[in-house]
């Protein structure tokens, strides 16, 4: 069965958020929603999430799931906000606990519950769930992060940060817990899906064209420079590229929110919330551009 799929591009973070709907029951899932955050002022907003809620209301959809493909390093998740607005359960891949344990140490965060309990459901590799009459399945796809999970829905796959559009290549694999070899294996598992499978990516970095986020397996096999490489060639190409990249500007901000399913820190005694930024946590990391 084919899902009705709407993508919402956030130009601040180059992220794509999705509403995936069953046309027969009007049930839907929201995948990788963005909570707006301006690191210069510390301001947060719900503009992206409210746009999705408006779309859901206009189409008379019923939100059954709010899904995170992985703990994002470049934007805050709006999963917790949307759960409060819709009552829908949140879910992510069960290997999120490995990322929590890793970053709990980096943040020196003894109070972090590293058991995935911040989500309503943790999905194991191969575990199936329903979006109305549409069957969905989780497929663990590590490499970019330890917890990256692809969601297969009907004839479509939401592949987050594995492959980008064919003219953009593949995701980086140099974060703590990342692995270019694991990413190669995950990409090959995705490209082993039927050639007609529609792949929806988590980001797009358009260069002189409009944003895009959908291509088939066959299109990636034909046009993505990271497809078809053997493991050694892929790892060499990926690691050479990653060595030139600065850390994402929001990684230290975002992960302490996204490891808790999009929950902001609790207000302190003055009513304000505060983020904690570890200094010199990544010695030797390339410095970013101004």
C-alpha atoms as a PDB file:
ATOM      1  CA  UNK A   1       0.000   0.000   0.000  1.00  0.00           C
ATOM      2  CA  UNK A   2       1.108   3.548  -0.687  1.00  0.00           C
ATOM      3  CA  UNK A   3       1.074   6.200   1.990  1.00  0.00           C
ATOM      4  CA  UNK A   4       0.207   9.842   1.452  1.00  0.00           C
ATOM      5  CA  UNK A   5       3.428  11.681   2.251  1.00  0.00           C
ATOM      6  CA  UNK A   6       3.977  15.385   2.816  1.00  0.00           C
ATOM      7  CA  UNK A   7       7.432  16.820   3.433  1.00  0.00           C
ATOM      8  CA  UNK A   8       8.131  20.092   5.254  1.00  0.00           C
ATOM      9  CA  UNK A   9      11.544  21.657   4.616  1.00  0.00           C
ATOM     10  CA  UNK A  10      13.114  23.778   7.354  1.00  0.00           C
ATOM     11  CA  UNK A  11      15.607  26.151   5.668  1.00  0.00           C
ATOM     12  CA  UNK A  12      17.351  27.019   8.950  1.00  0.00           C
ATOM     13  CA  UNK A  13      18.527  23.443   9.515  1.00  0.00           C
ATOM     14  CA  UNK A  14      18.048  21.958   6.019  1.00  0.00           C
ATOM     15  CA  UNK A  15      15.840  19.320   7.667  1.00  0.00           C
ATOM     16  CA  UNK A  16      12.783  17.608   6.239  1.00  0.00           C
ATOM     17  CA  UNK A  17       9.868  16.708   8.485  1.00  0.00           C
ATOM     18  CA  UNK A  18       7.206  14.296   7.321  1.00  0.00           C
ATOM     19  CA  UNK A  19       3.537  13.529   7.743  1.00  0.00           C
ATOM     20  CA  UNK A  20       2.838   9.972   6.578  1.00  0.00           C
ATOM     21  CA  UNK A  21      -0.861   9.162   6.274  1.00  0.00           C
ATOM     22  CA  UNK A  22      -2.989   6.108   5.575  1.00  0.00           C
ATOM     23  CA  UNK A  23      -5.520   7.302   2.971  1.00  0.00           C
ATOM     24  CA  UNK A  24      -8.143   4.776   4.059  1.00  0.00           C
ATOM     25  CA  UNK A  25      -8.322   5.580   7.777  1.00  0.00           C
ATOM     26  CA  UNK A  26      -6.792   9.119   7.848  1.00  0.00           C
ATOM     27  CA  UNK A  27      -4.374   7.945  10.534  1.00  0.00           C
ATOM     28  CA  UNK A  28      -0.891   9.421  10.273  1.00  0.00           C
ATOM     29  CA  UNK A  29       2.579   9.515  11.757  1.00  0.00           C
ATOM     30  CA  UNK A  30       4.798  12.571  12.109  1.00  0.00           C
ATOM     31  CA  UNK A  31       8.484  11.834  11.504  1.00  0.00           C
ATOM     32  CA  UNK A  32      11.421  13.964  12.718  1.00  0.00           C
ATOM     33  CA  UNK A  33       9.567  17.190  13.611  1.00  0.00           C
ATOM     34  CA  UNK A  34      11.659  20.299  14.324  1.00  0.00           C
ATOM     35  CA  UNK A  35      11.395  22.523  17.396  1.00  0.00           C
ATOM     36  CA  UNK A  36      12.719  25.930  16.344  1.00  0.00           C
ATOM     37  CA  UNK A  37      15.802  27.205  18.174  1.00  0.00           C
ATOM     38  CA  UNK A  38      18.018  30.254  17.638  1.00  0.00           C
ATOM     39  CA  UNK A  39      21.404  29.689  19.236  1.00  0.00           C
ATOM     40  CA  UNK A  40      22.313  33.377  19.154  1.00  0.00           C
ATOM     41  CA  UNK A  41      19.403  34.523  21.318  1.00  0.00           C
ATOM     42  CA  UNK A  42      18.544  31.227  22.995  1.00  0.00           C
ATOM     43  CA  UNK A  43      14.958  31.635  21.779  1.00  0.00           C
ATOM     44  CA  UNK A  44      12.739  28.655  21.037  1.00  0.00           C
ATOM     45  CA  UNK A  45       9.541  28.564  18.998  1.00  0.00           C
ATOM     46  CA  UNK A  46       7.046  26.054  17.636  1.00  0.00           C
ATOM     47  CA  UNK A  47       6.633  27.498  14.139  1.00  0.00           C
ATOM     48  CA  UNK A  48       7.565  24.302  12.283  1.00  0.00           C
ATOM     49  CA  UNK A  49       5.541  22.046  14.573  1.00  0.00           C
ATOM     50  CA  UNK A  50       2.487  24.300  14.384  1.00  0.00           C
ATOM     51  CA  UNK A  51       2.702  24.280  10.587  1.00  0.00           C
ATOM     52  CA  UNK A  52       2.492  20.479  10.732  1.00  0.00           C
ATOM     53  CA  UNK A  53      -0.426  20.623  13.156  1.00  0.00           C
ATOM     54  CA  UNK A  54      -2.216  22.993  10.800  1.00  0.00           C
ATOM     55  CA  UNK A  55      -1.674  20.586   7.918  1.00  0.00           C
ATOM     56  CA  UNK A  56      -2.976  17.678   9.997  1.00  0.00           C
ATOM     57  CA  UNK A  57      -6.091  19.627  10.962  1.00  0.00           C
ATOM     58  CA  UNK A  58      -6.725  20.826   7.413  1.00  0.00           C
ATOM     59  CA  UNK A  59      -6.511  17.258   6.064  1.00  0.00           C
ATOM     60  CA  UNK A  60      -8.553  15.903   8.989  1.00  0.00           C
ATOM     61  CA  UNK A  61      -5.820  13.451   9.931  1.00  0.00           C
ATOM     62  CA  UNK A  62      -5.470  11.597  13.224  1.00  0.00           C
ATOM     63  CA  UNK A  63      -1.934  11.466  14.613  1.00  0.00           C
ATOM     64  CA  UNK A  64      -1.135   7.947  15.821  1.00  0.00           C
ATOM     65  CA  UNK A  65       2.658   8.182  16.114  1.00  0.00           C
ATOM     66  CA  UNK A  66       5.409  10.749  16.564  1.00  0.00           C
ATOM     67  CA  UNK A  67       8.659   9.158  15.406  1.00  0.00           C
ATOM     68  CA  UNK A  68      12.307  10.150  15.798  1.00  0.00           C
ATOM     69  CA  UNK A  69      14.712   8.375  13.447  1.00  0.00           C
ATOM     70  CA  UNK A  70      17.665   9.181  15.748  1.00  0.00           C
ATOM     71  CA  UNK A  71      18.844  11.834  18.233  1.00  0.00           C
ATOM     72  CA  UNK A  72      19.531  14.719  15.867  1.00  0.00           C
ATOM     73  CA  UNK A  73      22.682  16.822  16.138  1.00  0.00           C
ATOM     74  CA  UNK A  74      21.482  19.789  14.080  1.00  0.00           C
ATOM     75  CA  UNK A  75      18.037  20.647  15.383  1.00  0.00           C
ATOM     76  CA  UNK A  76      15.814  20.165  18.405  1.00  0.00           C
ATOM     77  CA  UNK A  77      13.078  17.536  18.186  1.00  0.00           C
ATOM     78  CA  UNK A  78       9.483  18.721  18.565  1.00  0.00           C
ATOM     79  CA  UNK A  79       8.313  15.230  19.583  1.00  0.00           C
ATOM     80  CA  UNK A  80       7.516  16.189  23.171  1.00  0.00           C
ATOM     81  CA  UNK A  81       5.629  19.335  22.138  1.00  0.00           C
ATOM     82  CA  UNK A  82       3.575  17.420  19.575  1.00  0.00           C
ATOM     83  CA  UNK A  83       2.795  14.654  22.053  1.00  0.00           C
ATOM     84  CA  UNK A  84       1.346  17.326  24.341  1.00  0.00           C
ATOM     85  CA  UNK A  85      -0.765  18.766  21.519  1.00  0.00           C
ATOM     86  CA  UNK A  86      -2.003  15.486  20.028  1.00  0.00           C
ATOM     87  CA  UNK A  87      -1.739  12.844  22.750  1.00  0.00           C
ATOM     88  CA  UNK A  88       0.001  10.529  20.270  1.00  0.00           C
ATOM     89  CA  UNK A  89       2.753   8.228  21.573  1.00  0.00           C
ATOM     90  CA  UNK A  90       6.385   8.880  20.750  1.00  0.00           C
ATOM     91  CA  UNK A  91       8.766   6.215  19.472  1.00  0.00           C
ATOM     92  CA  UNK A  92      12.328   5.744  18.284  1.00  0.00           C
ATOM     93  CA  UNK A  93      14.764   2.890  17.710  1.00  0.00           C
ATOM     94  CA  UNK A  94      15.726   0.877  20.769  1.00  0.00           C
ATOM     95  CA  UNK A  95      19.441   1.550  20.320  1.00  0.00           C
ATOM     96  CA  UNK A  96      18.907   5.117  21.480  1.00  0.00           C
ATOM     97  CA  UNK A  97      20.027   3.826  24.882  1.00  0.00           C
ATOM     98  CA  UNK A  98      23.564   3.395  23.479  1.00  0.00           C
ATOM     99  CA  UNK A  99      23.639   7.058  22.450  1.00  0.00           C
ATOM    100  CA  UNK A 100      22.271   8.110  25.831  1.00  0.00           C
ATOM    101  CA  UNK A 101      25.001   6.192  27.651  1.00  0.00           C
ATOM    102  CA  UNK A 102      27.698   7.704  25.455  1.00  0.00           C
ATOM    103  CA  UNK A 103      26.553  11.303  25.813  1.00  0.00           C
ATOM    104  CA  UNK A 104      25.689  10.940  29.489  1.00  0.00           C
ATOM    105  CA  UNK A 105      29.423  10.757  30.080  1.00  0.00           C
ATOM    106  CA  UNK A 106      30.261  13.639  27.708  1.00  0.00           C
ATOM    107  CA  UNK A 107      27.750  15.896  29.464  1.00  0.00           C
ATOM    108  CA  UNK A 108      28.650  14.577  32.928  1.00  0.00           C
ATOM    109  CA  UNK A 109      24.925  14.056  33.358  1.00  0.00           C
ATOM    110  CA  UNK A 110      24.346  11.552  36.196  1.00  0.00           C
ATOM    111  CA  UNK A 111      20.602  12.223  36.349  1.00  0.00           C
ATOM    112  CA  UNK A 112      19.968  11.260  32.716  1.00  0.00           C
ATOM    113  CA  UNK A 113      17.889   8.084  32.558  1.00  0.00           C
ATOM    114  CA  UNK A 114      19.783   6.115  29.888  1.00  0.00           C
ATOM    115  CA  UNK A 115      17.045   3.552  29.348  1.00  0.00           C
ATOM    116  CA  UNK A 116      14.994   5.169  26.564  1.00  0.00           C
ATOM    117  CA  UNK A 117      12.097   5.772  28.943  1.00  0.00           C
ATOM    118  CA  UNK A 118      11.663   9.304  27.591  1.00  0.00           C
ATOM    119  CA  UNK A 119       9.825   7.745  24.611  1.00  0.00           C
ATOM    120  CA  UNK A 120       6.593   5.790  24.863  1.00  0.00           C
ATOM    121  CA  UNK A 121       7.928   2.944  22.743  1.00  0.00           C
ATOM    122  CA  UNK A 122      11.336   1.714  21.645  1.00  0.00           C
ATOM    123  CA  UNK A 123      11.292  -0.190  18.368  1.00  0.00           C
ATOM    124  CA  UNK A 124      13.652  -3.106  17.812  1.00  0.00           C
ATOM    125  CA  UNK A 125      15.157  -4.011  14.456  1.00  0.00           C
ATOM    126  CA  UNK A 126      12.414  -5.627  12.374  1.00  0.00           C
ATOM    127  CA  UNK A 127       9.619  -4.663  14.761  1.00  0.00           C
ATOM    128  CA  UNK A 128       6.327  -3.891  13.051  1.00  0.00           C
ATOM    129  CA  UNK A 129       3.646  -1.357  13.959  1.00  0.00           C
ATOM    130  CA  UNK A 130       0.580   0.053  12.265  1.00  0.00           C
ATOM    131  CA  UNK A 131      -0.332   3.510  10.984  1.00  0.00           C
ATOM    132  CA  UNK A 132      -4.037   2.949  10.453  1.00  0.00           C
ATOM    133  CA  UNK A 133      -4.132   0.097   7.914  1.00  0.00           C
ATOM    134  CA  UNK A 134      -0.533   0.714   6.791  1.00  0.00           C
ATOM    135  CA  UNK A 135       2.055  -1.675   8.132  1.00  0.00           C
ATOM    136  CA  UNK A 136       5.311  -0.019   9.154  1.00  0.00           C
ATOM    137  CA  UNK A 137       8.607  -1.609  10.157  1.00  0.00           C
ATOM    138  CA  UNK A 138      11.727  -0.380  11.934  1.00  0.00           C
ATOM    139  CA  UNK A 139      15.084  -1.179  10.362  1.00  0.00           C
ATOM    140  CA  UNK A 140      18.161  -0.354  12.413  1.00  0.00           C
ATOM    141  CA  UNK A 141      20.572   1.637  10.209  1.00  0.00           C
ATOM    142  CA  UNK A 142      23.607   2.635  12.320  1.00  0.00           C
ATOM    143  CA  UNK A 143      26.636   4.492  11.060  1.00  0.00           C
ATOM    144  CA  UNK A 144      25.711   8.159  11.246  1.00  0.00           C
ATOM    145  CA  UNK A 145      24.784   7.462  14.877  1.00  0.00           C
ATOM    146  CA  UNK A 146      24.571   4.310  16.957  1.00  0.00           C
ATOM    147  CA  UNK A 147      20.773   4.620  17.083  1.00  0.00           C
ATOM    148  CA  UNK A 148      19.829   5.578  13.520  1.00  0.00           C
ATOM    149  CA  UNK A 149      16.638   3.787  12.460  1.00  0.00           C
ATOM    150  CA  UNK A 150      14.920   3.641   9.081  1.00  0.00           C
ATOM    151  CA  UNK A 151      11.116   3.468   9.031  1.00  0.00           C
ATOM    152  CA  UNK A 152       9.602   1.405   6.213  1.00  0.00           C
ATOM    153  CA  UNK A 153       5.983   2.316   5.447  1.00  0.00           C
ATOM    154  CA  UNK A 154       4.300   0.636   2.505  1.00  0.00           C
ATOM    155  CA  UNK A 155       6.435   1.257  -0.576  1.00  0.00           C
ATOM    156  CA  UNK A 156       8.455   4.023   1.107  1.00  0.00           C
ATOM    157  CA  UNK A 157      11.427   4.246   3.439  1.00  0.00           C
ATOM    158  CA  UNK A 158      12.377   7.184   5.648  1.00  0.00           C
ATOM    159  CA  UNK A 159      16.157   6.923   5.623  1.00  0.00           C
ATOM    160  CA  UNK A 160      17.071   9.935   7.819  1.00  0.00           C
ATOM    161  CA  UNK A 161      20.838  10.649   7.683  1.00  0.00           C
ATOM    162  CA  UNK A 162      22.181   7.743   5.626  1.00  0.00           C
ATOM    163  CA  UNK A 163      21.903   8.831   2.002  1.00  0.00           C
ATOM    164  CA  UNK A 164      20.941  12.337   0.969  1.00  0.00           C
ATOM    165  CA  UNK A 165      19.613  13.145  -2.502  1.00  0.00           C
ATOM    166  CA  UNK A 166      21.762  11.548  -5.215  1.00  0.00           C
ATOM    167  CA  UNK A 167      23.482  14.840  -6.049  1.00  0.00           C
ATOM    168  CA  UNK A 168      24.305  15.416  -2.340  1.00  0.00           C
ATOM    169  CA  UNK A 169      25.761  11.995  -1.517  1.00  0.00           C
ATOM    170  CA  UNK A 170      25.721  10.472   1.945  1.00  0.00           C
ATOM    171  CA  UNK A 171      25.700  11.494   5.587  1.00  0.00           C
ATOM    172  CA  UNK A 172      28.815  11.991   7.699  1.00  0.00           C
ATOM    173  CA  UNK A 173      30.082   9.306  10.044  1.00  0.00           C
ATOM    174  CA  UNK A 174      32.443  11.050  12.419  1.00  0.00           C
ATOM    175  CA  UNK A 175      30.295  11.764  15.491  1.00  0.00           C
ATOM    176  CA  UNK A 176      30.947   9.949  18.778  1.00  0.00           C
ATOM    177  CA  UNK A 177      29.745   6.385  18.215  1.00  0.00           C
ATOM    178  CA  UNK A 178      29.565   6.798  14.435  1.00  0.00           C
ATOM    179  CA  UNK A 179      31.217   4.427  11.967  1.00  0.00           C
ATOM    180  CA  UNK A 180      31.800   4.725   8.228  1.00  0.00           C
ATOM    181  CA  UNK A 181      31.882   0.930   7.942  1.00  0.00           C
ATOM    182  CA  UNK A 182      28.531   0.615   9.704  1.00  0.00           C
ATOM    183  CA  UNK A 183      27.097   3.373   7.497  1.00  0.00           C
ATOM    184  CA  UNK A 184      28.265   1.478   4.384  1.00  0.00           C
ATOM    185  CA  UNK A 185      26.432  -1.639   5.575  1.00  0.00           C
ATOM    186  CA  UNK A 186      23.281   0.349   6.394  1.00  0.00           C
ATOM    187  CA  UNK A 187      23.261   2.053   2.996  1.00  0.00           C
ATOM    188  CA  UNK A 188      23.673  -1.274   1.233  1.00  0.00           C
ATOM    189  CA  UNK A 189      20.755  -2.730   3.220  1.00  0.00           C
ATOM    190  CA  UNK A 190      18.603   0.219   2.123  1.00  0.00           C
ATOM    191  CA  UNK A 191      19.694  -0.139  -1.508  1.00  0.00           C
ATOM    192  CA  UNK A 192      18.787  -3.844  -1.351  1.00  0.00           C
ATOM    193  CA  UNK A 193      15.128  -2.806  -1.124  1.00  0.00           C
ATOM    194  CA  UNK A 194      13.127  -3.042  -4.387  1.00  0.00           C
ATOM    195  CA  UNK A 195      14.295  -0.529  -7.002  1.00  0.00           C
ATOM    196  CA  UNK A 196      10.908   1.210  -6.967  1.00  0.00           C
ATOM    197  CA  UNK A 197      11.060   1.919  -3.221  1.00  0.00           C
ATOM    198  CA  UNK A 198      10.731   5.630  -2.545  1.00  0.00           C
ATOM    199  CA  UNK A 199      13.498   6.861  -0.240  1.00  0.00           C
ATOM    200  CA  UNK A 200      12.823   9.990   1.805  1.00  0.00           C
ATOM    201  CA  UNK A 201      15.879  11.663   3.274  1.00  0.00           C
ATOM    202  CA  UNK A 202      16.243  13.629   6.497  1.00  0.00           C
ATOM    203  CA  UNK A 203      18.092  16.601   5.003  1.00  0.00           C
ATOM    204  CA  UNK A 204      18.677  18.316   1.707  1.00  0.00           C
ATOM    205  CA  UNK A 205      21.456  20.759   0.895  1.00  0.00           C
ATOM    206  CA  UNK A 206      20.362  22.314  -2.391  1.00  0.00           C
ATOM    207  CA  UNK A 207      22.996  24.068  -4.459  1.00  0.00           C
ATOM    208  CA  UNK A 208      21.234  26.203  -7.025  1.00  0.00           C
ATOM    209  CA  UNK A 209      18.059  24.108  -7.080  1.00  0.00           C
ATOM    210  CA  UNK A 210      14.853  23.860  -5.071  1.00  0.00           C
ATOM    211  CA  UNK A 211      14.902  21.552  -2.030  1.00  0.00           C
ATOM    212  CA  UNK A 212      14.101  17.908  -2.767  1.00  0.00           C
ATOM    213  CA  UNK A 213      13.771  14.882  -0.537  1.00  0.00           C
ATOM    214  CA  UNK A 214      12.500  11.913  -2.553  1.00  0.00           C
ATOM    215  CA  UNK A 215      14.332   9.544  -4.896  1.00  0.00           C
ATOM    216  CA  UNK A 216      13.922   5.853  -5.632  1.00  0.00           C
ATOM    217  CA  UNK A 217      16.398   3.111  -4.865  1.00  0.00           C
ATOM    218  CA  UNK A 218      17.058   2.854  -8.609  1.00  0.00           C
ATOM    219  CA  UNK A 219      17.814   6.591  -8.849  1.00  0.00           C
ATOM    220  CA  UNK A 220      20.329   6.324  -6.026  1.00  0.00           C
ATOM    221  CA  UNK A 221      22.002   3.317  -7.625  1.00  0.00           C
ATOM    222  CA  UNK A 222      22.362   5.281 -10.861  1.00  0.00           C
ATOM    223  CA  UNK A 223      23.345   8.675  -9.533  1.00  0.00           C
ATOM    224  CA  UNK A 224      24.611   8.692  -5.944  1.00  0.00           C
ATOM    225  CA  UNK A 225      28.430   8.707  -5.813  1.00  0.00           C
ATOM    226  CA  UNK A 226      28.368   6.752  -2.532  1.00  0.00           C
ATOM    227  CA  UNK A 227      26.271   3.913  -3.997  1.00  0.00           C
ATOM    228  CA  UNK A 228      27.999   0.860  -5.432  1.00  0.00           C
ATOM    229  CA  UNK A 229      31.337   1.395  -3.682  1.00  0.00           C
ATOM    230  CA  UNK A 230      32.993  -1.487  -1.905  1.00  0.00           C
ATOM    231  CA  UNK A 231      33.505  -1.047   1.829  1.00  0.00           C
ATOM    232  CA  UNK A 232      37.132   0.109   1.650  1.00  0.00           C
ATOM    233  CA  UNK A 233      36.426   2.685  -1.054  1.00  0.00           C
ATOM    234  CA  UNK A 234      33.347   3.970   0.769  1.00  0.00           C
ATOM    235  CA  UNK A 235      35.177   4.313   4.092  1.00  0.00           C
ATOM    236  CA  UNK A 236      38.107   6.115   2.455  1.00  0.00           C
ATOM    237  CA  UNK A 237      35.809   8.525   0.609  1.00  0.00           C
ATOM    238  CA  UNK A 238      33.632   9.175   3.657  1.00  0.00           C
ATOM    239  CA  UNK A 239      36.503   9.651   6.098  1.00  0.00           C
ATOM    240  CA  UNK A 240      38.351  12.007   3.733  1.00  0.00           C
ATOM    241  CA  UNK A 241      35.243  14.168   3.426  1.00  0.00           C
ATOM    242  CA  UNK A 242      34.466  14.056   7.145  1.00  0.00           C
ATOM    243  CA  UNK A 243      37.974  15.262   7.997  1.00  0.00           C
ATOM    244  CA  UNK A 244      37.128  18.590   6.331  1.00  0.00           C
ATOM    245  CA  UNK A 245      33.809  19.161   8.136  1.00  0.00           C
ATOM    246  CA  UNK A 246      33.319  21.252  11.281  1.00  0.00           C
ATOM    247  CA  UNK A 247      31.044  19.902  13.983  1.00  0.00           C
ATOM    248  CA  UNK A 248      27.390  20.903  13.463  1.00  0.00           C
ATOM    249  CA  UNK A 249      26.809  24.251  15.127  1.00  0.00           C
ATOM    250  CA  UNK A 250      23.966  22.909  17.279  1.00  0.00           C
ATOM    251  CA  UNK A 251      25.287  19.466  18.233  1.00  0.00           C
ATOM    252  CA  UNK A 252      26.072  20.315  21.867  1.00  0.00           C
ATOM    253  CA  UNK A 253      22.833  22.265  22.216  1.00  0.00           C
ATOM    254  CA  UNK A 254      20.585  19.741  20.502  1.00  0.00           C
ATOM    255  CA  UNK A 255      21.645  16.411  21.934  1.00  0.00           C
ATOM    256  CA  UNK A 256      20.833  17.297  25.526  1.00  0.00           C
ATOM    257  CA  UNK A 257      17.284  18.002  24.337  1.00  0.00           C
ATOM    258  CA  UNK A 258      16.964  15.156  21.846  1.00  0.00           C
ATOM    259  CA  UNK A 259      18.285  12.501  24.227  1.00  0.00           C
ATOM    260  CA  UNK A 260      15.119  13.244  26.208  1.00  0.00           C
ATOM    261  CA  UNK A 261      12.681  12.967  23.252  1.00  0.00           C
ATOM    262  CA  UNK A 262      12.586  16.727  22.707  1.00  0.00           C
ATOM    263  CA  UNK A 263      12.135  17.764  26.335  1.00  0.00           C
ATOM    264  CA  UNK A 264      13.761  21.088  27.163  1.00  0.00           C
ATOM    265  CA  UNK A 265      15.643  21.348  30.474  1.00  0.00           C
ATOM    266  CA  UNK A 266      13.434  21.949  33.474  1.00  0.00           C
ATOM    267  CA  UNK A 267      13.091  25.612  34.542  1.00  0.00           C
ATOM    268  CA  UNK A 268      15.379  26.705  37.356  1.00  0.00           C
ATOM    269  CA  UNK A 269      14.294  28.787  40.368  1.00  0.00           C
ATOM    270  CA  UNK A 270      14.114  31.950  38.272  1.00  0.00           C
ATOM    271  CA  UNK A 271      11.772  30.313  35.764  1.00  0.00           C
ATOM    272  CA  UNK A 272      14.369  30.119  32.971  1.00  0.00           C
ATOM    273  CA  UNK A 273      15.770  27.025  31.293  1.00  0.00           C
ATOM    274  CA  UNK A 274      19.497  26.553  30.704  1.00  0.00           C
ATOM    275  CA  UNK A 275      21.582  24.371  28.405  1.00  0.00           C
ATOM    276  CA  UNK A 276      24.938  22.910  29.446  1.00  0.00           C
ATOM    277  CA  UNK A 277      27.778  23.101  26.919  1.00  0.00           C
ATOM    278  CA  UNK A 278      30.892  20.978  27.596  1.00  0.00           C
ATOM    279  CA  UNK A 279      34.099  22.761  26.650  1.00  0.00           C
ATOM    280  CA  UNK A 280      36.955  21.064  24.785  1.00  0.00           C
ATOM    281  CA  UNK A 281      35.013  17.804  24.588  1.00  0.00           C
ATOM    282  CA  UNK A 282      36.356  17.020  21.097  1.00  0.00           C
ATOM    283  CA  UNK A 283      40.095  17.730  20.954  1.00  0.00           C
ATOM    284  CA  UNK A 284      41.336  18.004  17.406  1.00  0.00           C
ATOM    285  CA  UNK A 285      37.904  18.635  15.901  1.00  0.00           C
ATOM    286  CA  UNK A 286      38.071  20.990  12.882  1.00  0.00           C
ATOM    287  CA  UNK A 287      37.104  24.547  13.678  1.00  0.00           C
ATOM    288  CA  UNK A 288      33.983  25.776  11.954  1.00  0.00           C
ATOM    289  CA  UNK A 289      33.737  28.622   9.500  1.00  0.00           C
ATOM    290  CA  UNK A 290      32.619  31.993  10.918  1.00  0.00           C
END
